[in-house]
Structures are given as C-alpha cells and as structure tokens.
C-alpha cells in the first residue's frame, strides 16, 4: 500500500502516537476513533494503517513505550546499597519521572482495562518488574532492621499509589515547590516504613 504523499514514517509515526496519546488521555480510549486520530495528525484515516494495524496496537505501543522508558530511566540511576537511601531515591525518581508525563501515566493506569488479555499480560509484567524494584528495596530494609513492614507487597503498592497521587494535584507555581513536595512525600514514606 502506498504511503500518503508527503508523509514520512519517522515523522508521521511519532505524530500519530502523540495525537493518540493526547486524545486517549483527554477522552478515553473507547471514545476515540481512528478517524479522530487521523484528523488530528492531518492524514486520511486509511493512512493510519500504514503505521499501526489497529487502535489496540496503538494503545499497547503507547503503554509499552512508557513502561520501557520508565524501567530504562530507573536502571540508569546509580543504586545505593543502603535501603533507606535507595528508597529516598525511588521516591524522588518516581515523582519527577511521572510528573513530566501526565498523559502517559493516566493512560498507563486508566486504560489497562481496554487491553486485550495478551497485551494486558505483557504490560502487567512490565509494571510488576518496576514494582519489584521497590519491593526489593523494602525487603532489603526489612531484613536489615531499618524498616518494619507487615507485608512488603502491600507496602509497595501503597507507596506507589501514594506517589501517583502527586500527578493529580501538583501544579508548578503552587504553594510548595517540587523539591518541597518531594521532601514531604519522602517524610511520609519514611515514617510509614521505619522500624
């Protein structure tokens, strides 16, 4: 199938993903049509299929890229052997990484239900891999007597849920700076797990 005149895969493909991301975040996956995405990009609806097989593949790719970016960015950090320091680093990393990507975060959590079972399993495995990094820190601190946690898995999910809350209310230029918000969250997390 011929590509639309004037389109380039290295330009149009990313534009399609960017438009889909914004539309899915604003209206929800189920409410967005391929025709709307095409209109946003400025191509014919049929031209989208040169770049993605269907809307489900587009959603999966957005989530997969987000999770890969998250895992890669976290892996690039120099990890501290000290559990308390590692937890502090995780808190700051999670807040700052996600604040820069509000649409990706919204889709990663709110649109899981719209993935096919196979795609859901793959994204869930990537999410679990990220959660496991935090649980390993909590377990290490528990074993070293630094943390006192009844259940590290539940604590992991609770900490991530709390940190995700920042994305719903934080606005630059508000009452507290991002550094101050991060410090408050660190104090809350530290106290919730301290021995």
N, C-alpha and C. Protein backbone atom coordinates (compact mmCIF):
# COMPACT_ATOMS: atom_id res chain seq x y z
N UNK A 1 0.85 -1.18 0.00
CA UNK A 1 0.00 0.00 0.00
C UNK A 1 0.89 1.24 0.00
N UNK A 2 0.58 2.19 -0.83
CA UNK A 2 1.40 3.39 -0.96
C UNK A 2 1.21 4.31 0.23
N UNK A 3 2.28 4.95 0.60
CA UNK A 3 2.23 5.90 1.71
C UNK A 3 1.64 7.22 1.20
N UNK A 4 0.93 7.93 2.07
CA UNK A 4 0.35 9.22 1.72
C UNK A 4 1.46 10.16 1.28
N UNK A 5 1.23 10.88 0.18
CA UNK A 5 2.23 11.79 -0.35
C UNK A 5 2.62 12.81 0.71
N UNK A 6 3.92 13.00 0.86
CA UNK A 6 4.41 13.97 1.83
C UNK A 6 4.58 13.41 3.23
N UNK A 7 4.18 12.16 3.46
CA UNK A 7 4.35 11.60 4.80
C UNK A 7 5.66 10.83 4.87
N UNK A 8 6.22 10.78 6.04
CA UNK A 8 7.46 10.06 6.29
C UNK A 8 7.28 9.26 7.56
N UNK A 9 7.67 7.99 7.52
CA UNK A 9 7.41 7.11 8.67
C UNK A 9 8.07 7.61 9.95
N UNK A 10 9.25 8.24 9.82
CA UNK A 10 9.94 8.72 11.02
C UNK A 10 9.32 10.01 11.56
N UNK A 11 8.45 10.63 10.80
CA UNK A 11 7.75 11.84 11.24
C UNK A 11 6.30 11.53 11.55
N UNK A 12 5.63 10.88 10.62
CA UNK A 12 4.19 10.63 10.78
C UNK A 12 3.91 9.62 11.89
N UNK A 13 4.71 8.58 12.00
CA UNK A 13 4.51 7.58 13.06
C UNK A 13 4.50 8.20 14.44
N UNK A 14 5.54 8.97 14.79
CA UNK A 14 5.53 9.64 16.10
C UNK A 14 4.38 10.63 16.26
N UNK A 15 4.00 11.31 15.18
CA UNK A 15 2.87 12.25 15.27
C UNK A 15 1.57 11.51 15.56
N UNK A 16 1.42 10.34 14.98
CA UNK A 16 0.22 9.52 15.25
C UNK A 16 0.20 9.11 16.71
N UNK A 17 1.33 8.64 17.23
CA UNK A 17 1.38 8.24 18.64
C UNK A 17 1.12 9.42 19.57
N UNK A 18 1.69 10.58 19.24
CA UNK A 18 1.48 11.77 20.07
C UNK A 18 0.00 12.18 20.06
N UNK A 19 -0.63 12.16 18.89
CA UNK A 19 -2.05 12.52 18.79
C UNK A 19 -2.91 11.51 19.54
N UNK A 20 -2.62 10.23 19.37
CA UNK A 20 -3.39 9.19 20.06
C UNK A 20 -3.24 9.33 21.57
N UNK A 21 -2.03 9.60 22.02
CA UNK A 21 -1.79 9.77 23.45
C UNK A 21 -2.65 10.90 24.01
N UNK A 22 -2.63 12.05 23.36
CA UNK A 22 -3.39 13.20 23.83
C UNK A 22 -4.90 12.92 23.79
N UNK A 23 -5.37 12.30 22.72
CA UNK A 23 -6.80 12.02 22.60
C UNK A 23 -7.26 10.97 23.61
N UNK A 24 -6.48 9.91 23.77
CA UNK A 24 -6.84 8.87 24.75
C UNK A 24 -6.88 9.45 26.16
N UNK A 25 -5.91 10.31 26.47
CA UNK A 25 -5.86 10.91 27.81
C UNK A 25 -7.03 11.87 28.03
N UNK A 26 -7.40 12.59 26.99
CA UNK A 26 -8.47 13.59 27.12
C UNK A 26 -9.87 12.98 27.11
N UNK A 27 -10.09 12.00 26.21
CA UNK A 27 -11.44 11.47 26.00
C UNK A 27 -11.62 10.02 26.43
N UNK A 28 -10.53 9.31 26.63
CA UNK A 28 -10.60 7.89 26.93
C UNK A 28 -10.48 7.07 25.65
N UNK A 29 -9.83 5.94 25.77
CA UNK A 29 -9.56 5.08 24.62
C UNK A 29 -10.84 4.71 23.86
N UNK A 30 -11.85 4.28 24.59
CA UNK A 30 -13.08 3.79 23.95
C UNK A 30 -13.79 4.87 23.15
N UNK A 31 -13.64 6.12 23.54
CA UNK A 31 -14.36 7.21 22.89
C UNK A 31 -13.63 7.78 21.67
N UNK A 32 -12.41 7.34 21.44
CA UNK A 32 -11.60 7.90 20.35
C UNK A 32 -11.60 6.94 19.17
N UNK A 33 -11.85 7.49 17.99
CA UNK A 33 -11.83 6.67 16.77
C UNK A 33 -10.52 6.90 16.01
N UNK A 34 -10.22 5.97 15.14
CA UNK A 34 -9.05 6.12 14.28
C UNK A 34 -9.23 7.35 13.39
N UNK A 35 -10.44 7.63 13.01
CA UNK A 35 -10.73 8.81 12.19
C UNK A 35 -10.34 10.10 12.94
N UNK A 36 -10.63 10.16 14.25
CA UNK A 36 -10.26 11.33 15.04
C UNK A 36 -8.74 11.49 15.12
N UNK A 37 -8.06 10.37 15.29
CA UNK A 37 -6.58 10.41 15.34
C UNK A 37 -6.04 10.92 14.01
N UNK A 38 -6.57 10.40 12.92
CA UNK A 38 -6.12 10.81 11.59
C UNK A 38 -6.36 12.31 11.38
N UNK A 39 -7.52 12.79 11.79
CA UNK A 39 -7.84 14.21 11.65
C UNK A 39 -6.83 15.06 12.42
N UNK A 40 -6.52 14.63 13.63
CA UNK A 40 -5.57 15.36 14.48
C UNK A 40 -4.19 15.43 13.83
N UNK A 41 -3.81 14.36 13.15
CA UNK A 41 -2.48 14.30 12.51
C UNK A 41 -2.50 15.01 11.16
N UNK A 42 -3.68 15.05 10.53
CA UNK A 42 -3.78 15.67 9.21
C UNK A 42 -3.57 14.70 8.07
N UNK A 43 -3.95 13.44 8.30
CA UNK A 43 -3.86 12.43 7.24
C UNK A 43 -5.23 11.76 7.08
N UNK A 44 -5.40 11.03 5.99
CA UNK A 44 -6.62 10.27 5.77
C UNK A 44 -6.65 9.11 6.77
N UNK A 45 -7.85 8.73 7.19
CA UNK A 45 -7.99 7.65 8.18
C UNK A 45 -7.30 6.38 7.71
N UNK A 46 -7.44 6.05 6.44
CA UNK A 46 -6.81 4.85 5.91
C UNK A 46 -5.30 4.87 5.99
N UNK A 47 -4.72 6.05 5.97
CA UNK A 47 -3.26 6.18 6.03
C UNK A 47 -2.69 5.72 7.37
N UNK A 48 -3.52 5.78 8.43
CA UNK A 48 -3.03 5.33 9.74
C UNK A 48 -2.57 3.88 9.72
N UNK A 49 -3.23 3.09 8.89
CA UNK A 49 -2.94 1.65 8.87
C UNK A 49 -1.59 1.34 8.21
N UNK A 50 -0.95 2.36 7.65
CA UNK A 50 0.43 2.19 7.19
C UNK A 50 1.39 2.21 8.38
N UNK A 51 0.90 2.70 9.53
CA UNK A 51 1.76 2.89 10.70
C UNK A 51 1.37 2.01 11.89
N UNK A 52 0.14 1.57 11.92
CA UNK A 52 -0.33 0.73 13.03
C UNK A 52 -1.45 -0.17 12.52
N UNK A 53 -1.48 -1.43 12.91
CA UNK A 53 -2.52 -2.33 12.43
C UNK A 53 -3.93 -1.94 12.89
N UNK A 54 -4.03 -1.39 14.10
CA UNK A 54 -5.34 -1.05 14.65
C UNK A 54 -5.17 -0.20 15.90
N UNK A 55 -6.28 0.23 16.46
CA UNK A 55 -6.26 1.11 17.65
C UNK A 55 -5.69 0.38 18.87
N UNK A 56 -5.99 -0.90 19.01
CA UNK A 56 -5.47 -1.69 20.13
C UNK A 56 -3.95 -1.71 20.11
N UNK A 57 -3.37 -1.90 18.93
CA UNK A 57 -1.91 -1.92 18.80
C UNK A 57 -1.31 -0.58 19.17
N UNK A 58 -2.02 0.48 18.84
CA UNK A 58 -1.57 1.83 19.18
C UNK A 58 -1.57 2.02 20.70
N UNK A 59 -2.64 1.61 21.36
CA UNK A 59 -2.71 1.71 22.82
C UNK A 59 -1.60 0.89 23.47
N UNK A 60 -1.43 -0.34 23.01
CA UNK A 60 -0.39 -1.21 23.55
C UNK A 60 0.99 -0.57 23.40
N UNK A 61 1.25 -0.03 22.21
CA UNK A 61 2.57 0.56 21.96
C UNK A 61 2.83 1.75 22.88
N UNK A 62 1.81 2.59 23.08
CA UNK A 62 1.96 3.73 23.98
C UNK A 62 2.30 3.28 25.40
N UNK A 63 1.59 2.27 25.88
CA UNK A 63 1.84 1.76 27.23
C UNK A 63 3.20 1.07 27.32
N UNK A 64 3.51 0.30 26.31
CA UNK A 64 4.78 -0.43 26.31
C UNK A 64 5.97 0.54 26.29
N UNK A 65 5.89 1.56 25.44
CA UNK A 65 6.97 2.54 25.38
C UNK A 65 7.12 3.27 26.71
N UNK A 66 6.00 3.61 27.33
CA UNK A 66 6.05 4.28 28.63
C UNK A 66 6.75 3.41 29.68
N UNK A 67 6.37 2.15 29.73
CA UNK A 67 6.97 1.25 30.72
C UNK A 67 8.45 1.01 30.43
N UNK A 68 8.80 0.87 29.16
CA UNK A 68 10.21 0.68 28.80
C UNK A 68 11.03 1.92 29.17
N UNK A 69 10.48 3.11 28.90
CA UNK A 69 11.17 4.35 29.26
C UNK A 69 11.37 4.43 30.78
N UNK A 70 10.32 4.08 31.53
CA UNK A 70 10.38 4.10 32.99
C UNK A 70 11.46 3.16 33.50
N UNK A 71 11.44 1.93 33.04
CA UNK A 71 12.42 0.94 33.50
C UNK A 71 13.84 1.33 33.10
N UNK A 72 14.01 1.82 31.89
CA UNK A 72 15.35 2.23 31.42
C UNK A 72 15.88 3.39 32.23
N UNK A 73 15.02 4.39 32.48
CA UNK A 73 15.46 5.56 33.25
C UNK A 73 15.84 5.16 34.67
N UNK A 74 15.06 4.26 35.27
CA UNK A 74 15.38 3.83 36.64
C UNK A 74 16.68 3.01 36.65
N UNK A 75 16.88 2.16 35.66
CA UNK A 75 18.09 1.35 35.58
C UNK A 75 19.35 2.20 35.42
N UNK A 76 19.20 3.39 34.85
CA UNK A 76 20.36 4.27 34.65
C UNK A 76 20.84 4.92 35.94
N UNK A 77 19.99 4.92 36.97
CA UNK A 77 20.39 5.52 38.24
C UNK A 77 21.45 4.67 38.93
N UNK A 78 22.34 5.32 39.63
CA UNK A 78 23.31 4.59 40.44
C UNK A 78 22.61 4.19 41.73
N UNK A 79 22.39 2.89 41.88
CA UNK A 79 21.61 2.38 43.01
C UNK A 79 22.45 2.34 44.28
N UNK A 80 21.85 2.81 45.36
CA UNK A 80 22.52 2.79 46.65
C UNK A 80 22.32 1.43 47.32
N UNK A 81 23.35 0.93 47.98
CA UNK A 81 23.24 -0.33 48.72
C UNK A 81 22.46 -0.12 50.01
N UNK A 82 22.42 1.12 50.50
CA UNK A 82 21.70 1.46 51.71
C UNK A 82 20.20 1.53 51.39
N UNK A 83 19.40 0.73 52.08
CA UNK A 83 17.97 0.63 51.77
C UNK A 83 17.24 1.96 51.95
N UNK A 84 17.59 2.71 52.97
CA UNK A 84 16.93 3.99 53.22
C UNK A 84 17.25 4.98 52.10
N UNK A 85 18.52 5.02 51.70
CA UNK A 85 18.92 5.89 50.60
C UNK A 85 18.26 5.46 49.29
N UNK A 86 18.21 4.16 49.07
CA UNK A 86 17.59 3.64 47.84
C UNK A 86 16.11 3.98 47.79
N UNK A 87 15.44 3.91 48.94
CA UNK A 87 14.02 4.25 49.00
C UNK A 87 13.83 5.75 48.74
N UNK A 88 14.70 6.56 49.32
CA UNK A 88 14.63 8.02 49.08
C UNK A 88 14.79 8.31 47.60
N UNK A 89 15.73 7.63 46.98
CA UNK A 89 15.97 7.82 45.55
C UNK A 89 14.76 7.39 44.73
N UNK A 90 14.14 6.28 45.10
CA UNK A 90 12.96 5.79 44.38
C UNK A 90 11.83 6.81 44.46
N UNK A 91 11.60 7.36 45.65
CA UNK A 91 10.51 8.34 45.83
C UNK A 91 10.73 9.54 44.90
N UNK A 92 11.93 10.11 44.93
CA UNK A 92 12.22 11.26 44.07
C UNK A 92 12.12 10.93 42.60
N UNK A 93 12.67 9.78 42.23
CA UNK A 93 12.63 9.37 40.82
C UNK A 93 11.19 9.22 40.35
N UNK A 94 10.39 8.50 41.12
CA UNK A 94 9.01 8.22 40.70
C UNK A 94 8.22 9.51 40.51
N UNK A 95 8.32 10.41 41.45
CA UNK A 95 7.57 11.67 41.37
C UNK A 95 8.01 12.47 40.14
N UNK A 96 9.29 12.66 39.99
CA UNK A 96 9.79 13.52 38.91
C UNK A 96 9.60 12.90 37.52
N UNK A 97 9.83 11.61 37.40
CA UNK A 97 9.64 10.96 36.10
C UNK A 97 8.18 11.07 35.66
N UNK A 98 7.27 10.79 36.56
CA UNK A 98 5.86 10.76 36.20
C UNK A 98 5.25 12.15 36.03
N UNK A 99 5.72 13.13 36.78
CA UNK A 99 5.19 14.49 36.61
C UNK A 99 5.44 15.04 35.22
N UNK A 100 6.51 14.58 34.58
CA UNK A 100 6.83 15.05 33.23
C UNK A 100 5.99 14.35 32.16
N UNK A 101 5.21 13.34 32.56
CA UNK A 101 4.46 12.52 31.59
C UNK A 101 3.02 12.27 32.06
N UNK A 102 2.24 13.31 32.30
CA UNK A 102 0.90 13.09 32.87
C UNK A 102 -0.02 12.27 31.97
N UNK A 103 0.04 12.47 30.66
CA UNK A 103 -0.83 11.70 29.76
C UNK A 103 -0.45 10.23 29.76
N UNK A 104 0.85 9.95 29.72
CA UNK A 104 1.32 8.56 29.73
C UNK A 104 0.89 7.86 31.02
N UNK A 105 1.01 8.57 32.15
CA UNK A 105 0.64 7.99 33.44
C UNK A 105 -0.86 7.71 33.48
N UNK A 106 -1.65 8.66 33.02
CA UNK A 106 -3.10 8.49 33.02
C UNK A 106 -3.48 7.25 32.21
N UNK A 107 -2.93 7.15 31.02
CA UNK A 107 -3.25 6.01 30.16
C UNK A 107 -2.74 4.71 30.75
N UNK A 108 -1.53 4.73 31.32
CA UNK A 108 -0.95 3.51 31.88
C UNK A 108 -1.79 2.91 32.99
N UNK A 109 -2.51 3.75 33.71
CA UNK A 109 -3.34 3.25 34.81
C UNK A 109 -4.81 3.12 34.45
N UNK A 110 -5.34 4.06 33.69
CA UNK A 110 -6.78 4.09 33.45
C UNK A 110 -7.22 3.25 32.24
N UNK A 111 -6.31 2.96 31.35
CA UNK A 111 -6.71 2.25 30.14
C UNK A 111 -6.28 0.79 30.10
N UNK A 112 -5.75 0.28 31.20
CA UNK A 112 -5.38 -1.14 31.25
C UNK A 112 -6.56 -2.05 30.90
N UNK A 113 -7.74 -1.64 31.33
CA UNK A 113 -8.95 -2.45 31.12
C UNK A 113 -9.28 -2.61 29.64
N UNK A 114 -8.74 -1.74 28.79
CA UNK A 114 -9.04 -1.80 27.37
C UNK A 114 -8.03 -2.61 26.55
N UNK A 115 -7.04 -3.16 27.23
CA UNK A 115 -6.07 -4.01 26.53
C UNK A 115 -6.64 -5.42 26.33
N UNK A 116 -6.25 -6.06 25.26
CA UNK A 116 -6.60 -7.46 25.08
C UNK A 116 -5.90 -8.26 26.17
N UNK A 117 -6.38 -9.45 26.49
CA UNK A 117 -5.71 -10.24 27.56
C UNK A 117 -4.22 -10.44 27.32
N UNK A 118 -3.83 -10.69 26.09
CA UNK A 118 -2.41 -10.91 25.79
C UNK A 118 -1.60 -9.62 26.02
N UNK A 119 -2.11 -8.50 25.52
CA UNK A 119 -1.42 -7.23 25.72
C UNK A 119 -1.40 -6.84 27.20
N UNK A 120 -2.49 -7.09 27.89
CA UNK A 120 -2.56 -6.80 29.32
C UNK A 120 -1.47 -7.57 30.07
N UNK A 121 -1.31 -8.84 29.74
CA UNK A 121 -0.30 -9.67 30.41
C UNK A 121 1.10 -9.10 30.23
N UNK A 122 1.39 -8.63 29.03
CA UNK A 122 2.73 -8.08 28.76
C UNK A 122 2.96 -6.77 29.51
N UNK A 123 1.97 -5.89 29.51
CA UNK A 123 2.12 -4.63 30.22
C UNK A 123 2.16 -4.87 31.72
N UNK A 124 1.33 -5.77 32.19
CA UNK A 124 1.31 -6.11 33.63
C UNK A 124 2.67 -6.66 34.08
N UNK A 125 3.32 -7.43 33.22
CA UNK A 125 4.65 -7.97 33.56
C UNK A 125 5.67 -6.84 33.70
N UNK A 126 5.58 -5.84 32.84
CA UNK A 126 6.49 -4.69 32.93
C UNK A 126 6.21 -3.88 34.19
N UNK A 127 4.93 -3.71 34.51
CA UNK A 127 4.56 -2.99 35.74
C UNK A 127 5.09 -3.74 36.96
N UNK A 128 4.95 -5.06 36.94
CA UNK A 128 5.42 -5.88 38.06
C UNK A 128 6.93 -5.75 38.22
N UNK A 129 7.63 -5.68 37.10
CA UNK A 129 9.09 -5.54 37.15
C UNK A 129 9.47 -4.23 37.86
N UNK A 130 8.75 -3.17 37.57
CA UNK A 130 9.01 -1.89 38.24
C UNK A 130 8.64 -1.98 39.72
N UNK A 131 7.49 -2.53 40.02
CA UNK A 131 7.08 -2.70 41.42
C UNK A 131 8.09 -3.56 42.18
N UNK A 132 8.63 -4.57 41.52
CA UNK A 132 9.61 -5.45 42.17
C UNK A 132 10.86 -4.71 42.60
N UNK A 133 11.23 -3.64 41.87
CA UNK A 133 12.42 -2.87 42.28
C UNK A 133 12.17 -2.21 43.63
N UNK A 134 10.97 -1.68 43.82
CA UNK A 134 10.64 -1.07 45.11
C UNK A 134 10.50 -2.13 46.19
N UNK A 135 9.85 -3.24 45.87
CA UNK A 135 9.69 -4.29 46.87
C UNK A 135 11.05 -4.83 47.31
N UNK A 136 12.01 -4.92 46.39
CA UNK A 136 13.35 -5.39 46.76
C UNK A 136 14.01 -4.43 47.74
N UNK A 137 13.81 -3.13 47.54
CA UNK A 137 14.36 -2.14 48.48
C UNK A 137 13.72 -2.32 49.85
N UNK A 138 12.40 -2.45 49.88
CA UNK A 138 11.69 -2.61 51.15
C UNK A 138 12.09 -3.91 51.86
N UNK A 139 12.25 -4.97 51.10
CA UNK A 139 12.67 -6.25 51.68
C UNK A 139 14.08 -6.16 52.26
N UNK A 140 14.96 -5.49 51.52
CA UNK A 140 16.34 -5.32 52.00
C UNK A 140 16.36 -4.53 53.30
N UNK A 141 15.55 -3.47 53.36
CA UNK A 141 15.47 -2.68 54.59
C UNK A 141 14.84 -3.45 55.73
N UNK A 142 13.87 -4.29 55.40
CA UNK A 142 13.22 -5.14 56.41
C UNK A 142 14.23 -6.13 56.99
N UNK A 143 14.98 -6.77 56.11
CA UNK A 143 15.98 -7.75 56.55
C UNK A 143 17.09 -7.09 57.37
N UNK A 144 17.41 -5.85 57.05
CA UNK A 144 18.47 -5.14 57.77
C UNK A 144 17.99 -4.45 59.03
N UNK A 145 16.70 -4.56 59.33
CA UNK A 145 16.17 -3.96 60.54
C UNK A 145 15.93 -2.46 60.44
N UNK A 146 16.06 -1.92 59.23
CA UNK A 146 15.85 -0.48 59.02
C UNK A 146 14.36 -0.18 58.88
N UNK A 147 13.63 -1.10 58.26
CA UNK A 147 12.20 -0.93 58.04
C UNK A 147 11.43 -1.95 58.85
N UNK A 148 10.21 -1.60 59.19
CA UNK A 148 9.30 -2.51 59.89
C UNK A 148 7.99 -2.54 59.09
N UNK A 149 7.85 -3.58 58.27
CA UNK A 149 6.74 -3.65 57.33
C UNK A 149 6.05 -5.00 57.51
N UNK A 150 4.73 -4.98 57.67
CA UNK A 150 3.98 -6.22 57.85
C UNK A 150 3.96 -7.04 56.57
N UNK A 151 3.82 -6.38 55.41
CA UNK A 151 3.74 -7.08 54.13
C UNK A 151 4.38 -6.19 53.07
N UNK A 152 5.53 -6.60 52.54
CA UNK A 152 6.27 -5.74 51.61
C UNK A 152 5.52 -5.53 50.29
N UNK A 153 4.75 -6.51 49.85
CA UNK A 153 3.99 -6.36 48.60
C UNK A 153 2.92 -5.28 48.75
N UNK A 154 2.16 -5.35 49.84
CA UNK A 154 1.13 -4.33 50.08
C UNK A 154 1.77 -2.97 50.28
N UNK A 155 2.88 -2.91 51.00
CA UNK A 155 3.58 -1.64 51.21
C UNK A 155 4.05 -1.06 49.88
N UNK A 156 4.54 -1.92 49.00
CA UNK A 156 4.98 -1.49 47.67
C UNK A 156 3.84 -0.83 46.91
N UNK A 157 2.71 -1.51 46.86
CA UNK A 157 1.56 -0.98 46.12
C UNK A 157 1.04 0.31 46.77
N UNK A 158 1.06 0.36 48.09
CA UNK A 158 0.59 1.57 48.80
C UNK A 158 1.49 2.76 48.52
N UNK A 159 2.80 2.55 48.54
CA UNK A 159 3.74 3.65 48.29
C UNK A 159 3.57 4.15 46.87
N UNK A 160 3.50 3.25 45.90
CA UNK A 160 3.34 3.69 44.51
C UNK A 160 2.02 4.43 44.31
N UNK A 161 0.95 3.93 44.90
CA UNK A 161 -0.35 4.61 44.79
C UNK A 161 -0.27 6.01 45.38
N UNK A 162 0.39 6.15 46.52
CA UNK A 162 0.52 7.46 47.15
C UNK A 162 1.34 8.40 46.27
N UNK A 163 2.45 7.91 45.75
CA UNK A 163 3.30 8.75 44.90
C UNK A 163 2.57 9.16 43.62
N UNK A 164 1.75 8.27 43.09
CA UNK A 164 0.99 8.61 41.87
C UNK A 164 0.01 9.74 42.12
N UNK A 165 -0.42 9.89 43.35
CA UNK A 165 -1.36 10.95 43.68
C UNK A 165 -0.84 12.34 43.37
N UNK A 166 0.48 12.52 43.41
CA UNK A 166 1.07 13.83 43.13
C UNK A 166 0.64 14.32 41.74
N UNK A 167 0.54 13.39 40.79
CA UNK A 167 0.20 13.77 39.42
C UNK A 167 -1.19 14.38 39.30
N UNK A 168 -2.08 14.09 40.24
CA UNK A 168 -3.45 14.58 40.13
C UNK A 168 -3.62 16.00 40.66
N UNK A 169 -2.72 16.45 41.53
CA UNK A 169 -2.95 17.76 42.12
C UNK A 169 -1.79 18.75 41.99
N UNK A 170 -0.57 18.27 41.80
CA UNK A 170 0.57 19.19 41.80
C UNK A 170 0.55 20.09 40.56
N UNK A 171 0.78 21.38 40.79
CA UNK A 171 0.92 22.35 39.72
C UNK A 171 2.15 23.21 40.02
N UNK A 172 3.00 23.39 39.03
CA UNK A 172 4.16 24.26 39.19
C UNK A 172 3.67 25.66 39.54
N UNK A 173 4.37 26.32 40.43
CA UNK A 173 3.99 27.66 40.84
C UNK A 173 2.97 27.66 41.97
N UNK A 174 2.67 26.48 42.51
CA UNK A 174 1.73 26.38 43.62
C UNK A 174 2.37 26.75 44.95
N UNK A 175 1.69 26.41 46.02
CA UNK A 175 2.15 26.77 47.37
C UNK A 175 3.52 26.20 47.71
N UNK A 176 3.79 24.98 47.26
CA UNK A 176 5.07 24.33 47.53
C UNK A 176 5.82 24.08 46.23
N UNK A 177 7.14 24.17 46.30
CA UNK A 177 7.97 23.83 45.14
C UNK A 177 7.99 22.31 44.99
N UNK A 178 8.43 21.84 43.85
CA UNK A 178 8.54 20.41 43.63
C UNK A 178 9.51 19.78 44.63
N UNK A 179 10.60 20.46 44.94
CA UNK A 179 11.55 19.96 45.95
C UNK A 179 10.86 19.79 47.30
N UNK A 180 10.03 20.77 47.67
CA UNK A 180 9.33 20.70 48.95
C UNK A 180 8.29 19.58 48.96
N UNK A 181 7.58 19.43 47.87
CA UNK A 181 6.59 18.34 47.75
C UNK A 181 7.28 17.00 47.86
N UNK A 182 8.40 16.86 47.16
CA UNK A 182 9.15 15.61 47.21
C UNK A 182 9.61 15.31 48.63
N UNK A 183 10.06 16.33 49.35
CA UNK A 183 10.52 16.14 50.73
C UNK A 183 9.36 15.71 51.63
N UNK A 184 8.19 16.31 51.47
CA UNK A 184 7.02 15.93 52.27
C UNK A 184 6.67 14.47 52.01
N UNK A 185 6.66 14.09 50.74
CA UNK A 185 6.33 12.70 50.40
C UNK A 185 7.38 11.74 50.95
N UNK A 186 8.65 12.14 50.89
CA UNK A 186 9.70 11.30 51.44
C UNK A 186 9.51 11.11 52.94
N UNK A 187 9.16 12.18 53.64
CA UNK A 187 8.93 12.08 55.09
C UNK A 187 7.78 11.12 55.39
N UNK A 188 6.71 11.20 54.61
CA UNK A 188 5.55 10.32 54.81
C UNK A 188 5.93 8.87 54.55
N UNK A 189 6.61 8.62 53.44
CA UNK A 189 7.03 7.24 53.09
C UNK A 189 7.98 6.71 54.16
N UNK A 190 8.98 7.51 54.53
CA UNK A 190 9.98 7.08 55.52
C UNK A 190 9.31 6.69 56.84
N UNK A 191 8.42 7.53 57.30
CA UNK A 191 7.74 7.24 58.57
C UNK A 191 6.85 6.02 58.47
N UNK A 192 6.27 5.79 57.30
CA UNK A 192 5.34 4.64 57.17
C UNK A 192 6.08 3.30 57.18
N UNK A 193 7.38 3.30 56.89
CA UNK A 193 8.11 2.02 56.84
C UNK A 193 9.19 1.91 57.92
N UNK A 194 9.45 2.98 58.64
CA UNK A 194 10.57 2.97 59.60
C UNK A 194 10.34 2.00 60.75
N UNK A 195 11.46 1.41 61.19
CA UNK A 195 11.42 0.48 62.33
C UNK A 195 11.31 1.26 63.63
